[in-house]
Amino acid sequence: ASGREDLAEGNFDLWDSGQIQSDTTLNIDYAGKALALGDRCWWQVRLWDGDGQVSEWCEPACFGRSPTDAEWQGEWIGDDRARGIESPALDLP
């Protein structure tokens, strides 16, 4: 869901996988709506055992979309002297 409140209310606006018959429990690829840079996706899961008994929902968690290499803008913070560049002295209290 796009928000924690949406998730709590059952508004799975980004993706609802439904019940998936599989023994895979890790590294499940996201197959929902495309996320824009900075978007977050709130999620939670529950499991069914071989007898059809369902677990409680896990605690909500979220992930976000990070920039691609082409979108990344920034510079490393460091000592310019290590790169042979003279920097002005900082006047710190």
Protein backbone atom coordinates (compact mmCIF):
# COMPACT_ATOMS: atom_id res chain seq x y z
CA ALA A 1 0.00 0.00 0.00
CA SER A 2 1.17 3.56 -0.56
CA GLY A 3 0.64 4.47 3.11
CA ARG A 4 0.66 2.74 6.48
CA GLU A 5 -2.94 3.81 7.06
CA ASP A 6 -3.97 2.39 3.68
CA LEU A 7 -2.37 -0.91 4.63
CA ALA A 8 -4.17 -1.00 7.98
CA GLU A 9 -7.50 -0.33 6.25
CA GLY A 10 -6.94 -3.07 3.65
CA ASN A 11 -6.52 -0.56 0.81
CA PHE A 12 -3.82 -2.41 -1.14
CA ASP A 13 -3.54 0.27 -3.82
CA LEU A 14 -0.09 -0.72 -5.09
CA TRP A 15 -0.27 -4.51 -5.15
CA ASP A 16 -2.20 -7.39 -3.64
CA SER A 17 -0.53 -10.69 -4.45
CA GLY A 18 -3.35 -12.68 -2.91
CA GLN A 19 -2.55 -16.17 -1.70
CA ILE A 20 0.32 -17.68 -3.67
CA GLN A 21 0.87 -21.44 -3.70
CA SER A 22 4.65 -21.75 -3.32
CA ASP A 23 7.33 -22.94 -0.95
CA THR A 24 9.37 -19.80 -1.71
CA THR A 25 9.41 -17.39 1.22
CA LEU A 26 12.40 -15.13 0.46
CA ASN A 27 13.37 -12.72 -2.31
CA ILE A 28 9.88 -12.36 -3.77
CA ASP A 29 9.98 -9.80 -6.59
CA TYR A 30 7.68 -6.79 -6.30
CA ALA A 31 5.05 -7.00 -9.04
CA GLY A 32 2.90 -3.99 -8.21
CA LYS A 33 2.45 -0.52 -9.65
CA ALA A 34 5.63 1.27 -10.70
CA LEU A 35 7.12 3.39 -7.93
CA ALA A 36 8.52 6.88 -8.57
CA LEU A 37 11.76 8.03 -7.01
CA GLY A 38 11.19 8.45 -3.28
CA ASP A 39 7.88 6.54 -3.18
CA ARG A 40 7.37 4.09 -0.34
CA CYS A 41 5.51 0.81 -0.36
CA TRP A 42 4.06 -0.52 2.90
CA TRP A 43 3.66 -4.28 3.09
CA GLN A 44 2.88 -7.21 5.35
CA VAL A 45 2.42 -10.91 4.86
CA ARG A 46 0.76 -13.92 6.40
CA LEU A 47 1.32 -17.60 5.74
CA TRP A 48 -0.80 -20.68 5.23
CA ASP A 49 0.47 -24.07 6.37
CA GLY A 50 -0.06 -27.40 4.64
CA ASP A 51 -3.38 -27.85 6.47
CA GLY A 52 -4.73 -24.49 5.30
CA GLN A 53 -4.29 -22.80 8.68
CA VAL A 54 -3.44 -19.10 8.28
CA SER A 55 -1.05 -17.12 10.48
CA GLU A 56 -1.54 -13.64 11.88
CA TRP A 57 -0.28 -10.75 9.74
CA CYS A 58 3.36 -9.83 10.34
CA GLU A 59 4.22 -6.34 11.57
CA PRO A 60 3.97 -3.71 8.80
CA ALA A 61 7.21 -2.71 7.08
CA CYS A 62 8.08 -0.53 4.11
CA PHE A 63 10.59 -0.09 1.35
CA GLY A 64 11.25 2.75 -1.05
CA ARG A 65 12.54 3.24 -4.53
CA SER A 66 16.08 4.56 -4.71
CA PRO A 67 17.58 6.48 -7.62
CA THR A 68 19.00 4.67 -10.62
CA ASP A 69 22.59 5.45 -11.64
CA ALA A 70 21.26 7.93 -14.22
CA GLU A 71 19.10 9.70 -11.60
CA TRP A 72 21.77 9.89 -8.92
CA GLN A 73 23.06 13.39 -8.21
CA GLY A 74 25.57 14.17 -5.54
CA GLU A 75 29.17 14.16 -4.55
CA TRP A 76 31.06 12.29 -1.91
CA ILE A 77 31.81 14.28 1.21
CA GLY A 78 35.47 14.13 2.02
CA ASP A 79 38.80 15.87 2.31
CA ASP A 80 39.53 17.59 -1.01
CA ARG A 81 43.24 17.63 -0.14
CA ALA A 82 43.29 13.87 -0.74
CA ARG A 83 42.36 14.66 -4.35
CA GLY A 84 44.94 17.46 -4.66
CA ILE A 85 42.38 20.27 -4.35
CA GLU A 86 42.99 23.14 -1.99
CA SER A 87 39.96 23.91 0.17
CA PRO A 88 39.34 27.10 2.11
CA ALA A 89 39.81 26.72 5.85
CA LEU A 90 36.63 26.40 7.86
CA ASP A 91 36.20 28.81 10.74
CA LEU A 92 34.54 26.55 13.29
CA PRO A 93 33.69 27.73 16.83
